[in-house]
């Protein structure tokens, strides 16, 4: 059954009928939903998010042609596995930014440049995106980041070092920062 679904997905992609491919991936925190378009990775759903709701959102905002196609996400799963094993510090996946725009997109693009094992503050992100007084908007950009982990919003902290929020929950943010050596333990 799985082989025939993979063939169906490959055929749909070859015939231009697959706009959004998705697959589930394991992580130390639970199942992730990964979705890509021909442009690149468009969505990473975290374990505490409703995968079905995310797929409906993709069908509404990107294209109704959404198909489970694990083979299309092999590289994303491989890079995430390496990251969680502590053997990948920089993702090389192409990204499809279409789910963000304006100031949020500017902030998210800057978040994507924060190096492994380093952090920035919401204030620094607002400043780097062109409006140092838009600290709350920078926080909102982190919270609405459609590609967490790969666009590492977990590396953005409050001024003074407090963790702030995280879409995957604070235990996940703490775990990611420990994995990167930012937090002890």
C-alpha atoms as a PDB file:
ATOM      1  CA  UNK A   1       0.000   0.000   0.000  1.00  0.00           C
ATOM      2  CA  UNK A   2       2.769   2.440   0.947  1.00  0.00           C
ATOM      3  CA  UNK A   3       4.667   1.718  -2.281  1.00  0.00           C
ATOM      4  CA  UNK A   4       1.560   2.403  -4.370  1.00  0.00           C
ATOM      5  CA  UNK A   5       0.951   5.681  -2.507  1.00  0.00           C
ATOM      6  CA  UNK A   6       4.545   6.701  -3.184  1.00  0.00           C
ATOM      7  CA  UNK A   7       4.104   5.882  -6.882  1.00  0.00           C
ATOM      8  CA  UNK A   8       0.869   7.901  -6.934  1.00  0.00           C
ATOM      9  CA  UNK A   9       2.622  10.864  -5.304  1.00  0.00           C
ATOM     10  CA  UNK A  10       5.555  10.621  -7.719  1.00  0.00           C
ATOM     11  CA  UNK A  11       3.185  10.481 -10.689  1.00  0.00           C
ATOM     12  CA  UNK A  12       1.165  13.450  -9.394  1.00  0.00           C
ATOM     13  CA  UNK A  13       4.371  15.447  -8.947  1.00  0.00           C
ATOM     14  CA  UNK A  14       5.665  14.478 -12.411  1.00  0.00           C
ATOM     15  CA  UNK A  15       2.373  15.529 -14.003  1.00  0.00           C
ATOM     16  CA  UNK A  16       2.275  18.835 -12.135  1.00  0.00           C
ATOM     17  CA  UNK A  17      -0.714  17.799 -10.045  1.00  0.00           C
ATOM     18  CA  UNK A  18       0.998  17.971  -6.665  1.00  0.00           C
ATOM     19  CA  UNK A  19       1.221  21.458  -5.223  1.00  0.00           C
ATOM     20  CA  UNK A  20       1.804  20.525  -1.573  1.00  0.00           C
ATOM     21  CA  UNK A  21       3.461  17.295  -0.450  1.00  0.00           C
ATOM     22  CA  UNK A  22       3.381  16.356   3.209  1.00  0.00           C
ATOM     23  CA  UNK A  23       4.702  13.695   5.537  1.00  0.00           C
ATOM     24  CA  UNK A  24       5.015  13.029   9.229  1.00  0.00           C
ATOM     25  CA  UNK A  25       8.434  12.896  10.885  1.00  0.00           C
ATOM     26  CA  UNK A  26       9.575  11.714  14.282  1.00  0.00           C
ATOM     27  CA  UNK A  27      11.332  14.054  16.680  1.00  0.00           C
ATOM     28  CA  UNK A  28      12.415  13.793  20.315  1.00  0.00           C
ATOM     29  CA  UNK A  29       9.359  15.945  21.115  1.00  0.00           C
ATOM     30  CA  UNK A  30       6.767  13.977  19.126  1.00  0.00           C
ATOM     31  CA  UNK A  31       5.470  13.857  15.552  1.00  0.00           C
ATOM     32  CA  UNK A  32       6.148  16.767  13.210  1.00  0.00           C
ATOM     33  CA  UNK A  33       4.142  17.563  10.102  1.00  0.00           C
ATOM     34  CA  UNK A  34       6.383  18.550   7.186  1.00  0.00           C
ATOM     35  CA  UNK A  35       4.971  20.117   4.033  1.00  0.00           C
ATOM     36  CA  UNK A  36       6.712  21.310   0.893  1.00  0.00           C
ATOM     37  CA  UNK A  37       5.901  22.842  -2.453  1.00  0.00           C
ATOM     38  CA  UNK A  38       8.050  22.856  -5.579  1.00  0.00           C
ATOM     39  CA  UNK A  39       9.642  26.038  -4.128  1.00  0.00           C
ATOM     40  CA  UNK A  40      10.690  24.388  -0.862  1.00  0.00           C
ATOM     41  CA  UNK A  41       9.657  23.594   2.700  1.00  0.00           C
ATOM     42  CA  UNK A  42       6.526  25.606   3.446  1.00  0.00           C
ATOM     43  CA  UNK A  43       5.326  24.288   6.815  1.00  0.00           C
ATOM     44  CA  UNK A  44       6.613  22.485   9.884  1.00  0.00           C
ATOM     45  CA  UNK A  45       3.845  21.554  12.274  1.00  0.00           C
ATOM     46  CA  UNK A  46       4.955  20.994  15.854  1.00  0.00           C
ATOM     47  CA  UNK A  47       3.786  18.051  18.007  1.00  0.00           C
ATOM     48  CA  UNK A  48       1.259  20.139  19.948  1.00  0.00           C
ATOM     49  CA  UNK A  49      -0.380  21.469  16.775  1.00  0.00           C
ATOM     50  CA  UNK A  50      -3.331  19.831  15.021  1.00  0.00           C
ATOM     51  CA  UNK A  51      -1.891  18.312  11.819  1.00  0.00           C
ATOM     52  CA  UNK A  52      -5.323  18.089  10.165  1.00  0.00           C
ATOM     53  CA  UNK A  53      -5.984  21.775  10.809  1.00  0.00           C
ATOM     54  CA  UNK A  54      -2.565  22.657   9.373  1.00  0.00           C
ATOM     55  CA  UNK A  55      -3.321  20.646   6.232  1.00  0.00           C
ATOM     56  CA  UNK A  56      -6.673  22.417   5.826  1.00  0.00           C
ATOM     57  CA  UNK A  57      -4.854  25.744   6.201  1.00  0.00           C
ATOM     58  CA  UNK A  58      -2.359  24.716   3.501  1.00  0.00           C
ATOM     59  CA  UNK A  59      -5.199  23.635   1.204  1.00  0.00           C
ATOM     60  CA  UNK A  60      -6.838  27.035   1.727  1.00  0.00           C
ATOM     61  CA  UNK A  61      -3.788  29.278   1.559  1.00  0.00           C
ATOM     62  CA  UNK A  62      -1.539  27.437  -0.926  1.00  0.00           C
ATOM     63  CA  UNK A  63      -3.509  24.919  -3.005  1.00  0.00           C
ATOM     64  CA  UNK A  64      -6.201  22.282  -2.563  1.00  0.00           C
ATOM     65  CA  UNK A  65      -3.841  19.799  -4.251  1.00  0.00           C
ATOM     66  CA  UNK A  66      -2.294  18.446  -1.043  1.00  0.00           C
ATOM     67  CA  UNK A  67      -1.075  14.861  -0.985  1.00  0.00           C
ATOM     68  CA  UNK A  68       0.826  12.707   1.470  1.00  0.00           C
ATOM     69  CA  UNK A  69       4.104  12.105  -0.326  1.00  0.00           C
ATOM     70  CA  UNK A  70       6.823  10.997   2.114  1.00  0.00           C
ATOM     71  CA  UNK A  71       9.455  10.658  -0.613  1.00  0.00           C
ATOM     72  CA  UNK A  72       9.178  14.372  -1.368  1.00  0.00           C
ATOM     73  CA  UNK A  73      10.213  15.133   2.239  1.00  0.00           C
ATOM     74  CA  UNK A  74      13.125  12.695   2.577  1.00  0.00           C
ATOM     75  CA  UNK A  75      15.770  15.430   2.661  1.00  0.00           C
ATOM     76  CA  UNK A  76      13.850  17.485   5.220  1.00  0.00           C
ATOM     77  CA  UNK A  77      13.460  14.427   7.468  1.00  0.00           C
ATOM     78  CA  UNK A  78      17.153  13.565   7.031  1.00  0.00           C
ATOM     79  CA  UNK A  79      18.301  17.057   7.982  1.00  0.00           C
ATOM     80  CA  UNK A  80      15.963  17.182  10.977  1.00  0.00           C
ATOM     81  CA  UNK A  81      17.236  13.784  12.173  1.00  0.00           C
ATOM     82  CA  UNK A  82      20.808  15.048  11.914  1.00  0.00           C
ATOM     83  CA  UNK A  83      19.878  18.231  13.778  1.00  0.00           C
ATOM     84  CA  UNK A  84      18.218  16.310  16.622  1.00  0.00           C
ATOM     85  CA  UNK A  85      21.283  14.044  16.801  1.00  0.00           C
ATOM     86  CA  UNK A  86      23.466  17.154  17.223  1.00  0.00           C
ATOM     87  CA  UNK A  87      25.195  16.587  13.874  1.00  0.00           C
ATOM     88  CA  UNK A  88      23.682  19.445  11.840  1.00  0.00           C
ATOM     89  CA  UNK A  89      24.049  23.095  12.719  1.00  0.00           C
ATOM     90  CA  UNK A  90      22.697  24.702   9.547  1.00  0.00           C
ATOM     91  CA  UNK A  91      19.743  23.575   7.468  1.00  0.00           C
ATOM     92  CA  UNK A  92      20.270  23.691   3.724  1.00  0.00           C
ATOM     93  CA  UNK A  93      16.680  23.118   2.672  1.00  0.00           C
ATOM     94  CA  UNK A  94      15.066  25.474   0.175  1.00  0.00           C
ATOM     95  CA  UNK A  95      12.235  27.399   1.836  1.00  0.00           C
ATOM     96  CA  UNK A  96       8.898  28.582   0.492  1.00  0.00           C
ATOM     97  CA  UNK A  97       8.098  31.792   2.397  1.00  0.00           C
ATOM     98  CA  UNK A  98       4.607  32.335   0.956  1.00  0.00           C
ATOM     99  CA  UNK A  99       2.782  31.896   4.298  1.00  0.00           C
ATOM    100  CA  UNK A 100       4.368  35.095   5.655  1.00  0.00           C
ATOM    101  CA  UNK A 101       4.601  38.646   4.403  1.00  0.00           C
ATOM    102  CA  UNK A 102       5.477  42.195   5.403  1.00  0.00           C
ATOM    103  CA  UNK A 103       7.216  42.797   8.713  1.00  0.00           C
ATOM    104  CA  UNK A 104       6.626  39.194   9.832  1.00  0.00           C
ATOM    105  CA  UNK A 105       8.480  37.897   6.790  1.00  0.00           C
ATOM    106  CA  UNK A 106      11.321  40.373   7.365  1.00  0.00           C
ATOM    107  CA  UNK A 107      11.689  39.151  10.959  1.00  0.00           C
ATOM    108  CA  UNK A 108      11.466  35.471   9.979  1.00  0.00           C
ATOM    109  CA  UNK A 109      14.131  35.869   7.302  1.00  0.00           C
ATOM    110  CA  UNK A 110      16.435  37.362   9.928  1.00  0.00           C
ATOM    111  CA  UNK A 111      15.613  34.585  12.387  1.00  0.00           C
ATOM    112  CA  UNK A 112      16.720  32.100   9.716  1.00  0.00           C
ATOM    113  CA  UNK A 113      20.212  33.650   9.942  1.00  0.00           C
ATOM    114  CA  UNK A 114      20.693  33.175  13.707  1.00  0.00           C
ATOM    115  CA  UNK A 115      23.560  30.698  14.012  1.00  0.00           C
ATOM    116  CA  UNK A 116      23.262  27.395  15.852  1.00  0.00           C
ATOM    117  CA  UNK A 117      24.017  27.808  19.559  1.00  0.00           C
ATOM    118  CA  UNK A 118      23.360  31.550  19.567  1.00  0.00           C
ATOM    119  CA  UNK A 119      20.355  33.598  20.589  1.00  0.00           C
ATOM    120  CA  UNK A 120      18.929  37.020  19.855  1.00  0.00           C
ATOM    121  CA  UNK A 121      16.316  39.103  21.622  1.00  0.00           C
ATOM    122  CA  UNK A 122      12.927  40.171  20.286  1.00  0.00           C
ATOM    123  CA  UNK A 123      14.295  43.733  20.345  1.00  0.00           C
ATOM    124  CA  UNK A 124      17.282  42.759  18.209  1.00  0.00           C
ATOM    125  CA  UNK A 125      14.977  41.024  15.737  1.00  0.00           C
ATOM    126  CA  UNK A 126      12.710  44.066  15.510  1.00  0.00           C
ATOM    127  CA  UNK A 127      15.712  46.335  14.947  1.00  0.00           C
ATOM    128  CA  UNK A 128      17.241  44.076  12.296  1.00  0.00           C
ATOM    129  CA  UNK A 129      13.902  43.983  10.457  1.00  0.00           C
ATOM    130  CA  UNK A 130      13.803  47.777  10.338  1.00  0.00           C
ATOM    131  CA  UNK A 131      11.647  48.878  13.303  1.00  0.00           C
ATOM    132  CA  UNK A 132      13.296  48.650  16.705  1.00  0.00           C
ATOM    133  CA  UNK A 133      10.086  49.730  18.469  1.00  0.00           C
ATOM    134  CA  UNK A 134       8.089  46.837  16.983  1.00  0.00           C
ATOM    135  CA  UNK A 135       9.180  44.369  19.657  1.00  0.00           C
ATOM    136  CA  UNK A 136       5.688  42.893  20.101  1.00  0.00           C
ATOM    137  CA  UNK A 137       5.347  42.522  16.339  1.00  0.00           C
ATOM    138  CA  UNK A 138       8.677  40.669  16.303  1.00  0.00           C
ATOM    139  CA  UNK A 139       7.270  38.360  18.973  1.00  0.00           C
ATOM    140  CA  UNK A 140       4.172  37.835  16.869  1.00  0.00           C
ATOM    141  CA  UNK A 141       6.384  36.995  13.871  1.00  0.00           C
ATOM    142  CA  UNK A 142       8.070  34.321  15.986  1.00  0.00           C
ATOM    143  CA  UNK A 143       4.710  32.950  17.119  1.00  0.00           C
ATOM    144  CA  UNK A 144       3.391  32.801  13.561  1.00  0.00           C
ATOM    145  CA  UNK A 145       6.535  31.295  12.072  1.00  0.00           C
ATOM    146  CA  UNK A 146       5.268  28.571   9.699  1.00  0.00           C
ATOM    147  CA  UNK A 147       8.669  26.845   9.496  1.00  0.00           C
ATOM    148  CA  UNK A 148       9.846  26.471  13.118  1.00  0.00           C
ATOM    149  CA  UNK A 149      13.022  24.492  13.826  1.00  0.00           C
ATOM    150  CA  UNK A 150      14.366  25.217  10.333  1.00  0.00           C
ATOM    151  CA  UNK A 151      13.654  28.923  10.868  1.00  0.00           C
ATOM    152  CA  UNK A 152      14.836  28.752  14.486  1.00  0.00           C
ATOM    153  CA  UNK A 153      12.467  31.037  16.392  1.00  0.00           C
ATOM    154  CA  UNK A 154      13.394  29.050  19.517  1.00  0.00           C
ATOM    155  CA  UNK A 155      16.655  31.056  19.443  1.00  0.00           C
ATOM    156  CA  UNK A 156      14.796  34.325  20.123  1.00  0.00           C
ATOM    157  CA  UNK A 157      14.582  35.307  23.786  1.00  0.00           C
ATOM    158  CA  UNK A 158      13.307  38.189  25.858  1.00  0.00           C
ATOM    159  CA  UNK A 159      15.701  40.961  26.785  1.00  0.00           C
ATOM    160  CA  UNK A 160      17.484  39.796  29.915  1.00  0.00           C
ATOM    161  CA  UNK A 161      17.522  36.157  28.792  1.00  0.00           C
ATOM    162  CA  UNK A 162      14.026  34.971  29.783  1.00  0.00           C
ATOM    163  CA  UNK A 163      12.753  32.371  27.344  1.00  0.00           C
ATOM    164  CA  UNK A 164       9.564  34.118  26.258  1.00  0.00           C
ATOM    165  CA  UNK A 165       7.021  31.966  24.437  1.00  0.00           C
ATOM    166  CA  UNK A 166       7.244  29.188  21.895  1.00  0.00           C
ATOM    167  CA  UNK A 167       4.640  27.595  19.643  1.00  0.00           C
ATOM    168  CA  UNK A 168       5.796  24.121  20.677  1.00  0.00           C
ATOM    169  CA  UNK A 169       5.648  25.001  24.368  1.00  0.00           C
ATOM    170  CA  UNK A 170       8.383  26.082  26.754  1.00  0.00           C
ATOM    171  CA  UNK A 171       9.640  22.536  27.480  1.00  0.00           C
ATOM    172  CA  UNK A 172      10.345  22.099  23.755  1.00  0.00           C
ATOM    173  CA  UNK A 173      12.071  25.508  23.526  1.00  0.00           C
ATOM    174  CA  UNK A 174      14.207  24.616  26.550  1.00  0.00           C
ATOM    175  CA  UNK A 175      15.040  21.216  25.020  1.00  0.00           C
ATOM    176  CA  UNK A 176      16.092  22.777  21.722  1.00  0.00           C
ATOM    177  CA  UNK A 177      18.279  25.352  23.464  1.00  0.00           C
ATOM    178  CA  UNK A 178      19.869  22.578  25.546  1.00  0.00           C
ATOM    179  CA  UNK A 179      20.526  20.572  22.377  1.00  0.00           C
ATOM    180  CA  UNK A 180      22.339  23.602  20.950  1.00  0.00           C
ATOM    181  CA  UNK A 181      24.323  24.179  24.145  1.00  0.00           C
ATOM    182  CA  UNK A 182      22.684  27.503  24.968  1.00  0.00           C
ATOM    183  CA  UNK A 183      21.228  26.188  28.251  1.00  0.00           C
ATOM    184  CA  UNK A 184      23.020  23.921  30.686  1.00  0.00           C
ATOM    185  CA  UNK A 185      21.816  20.411  31.373  1.00  0.00           C
END
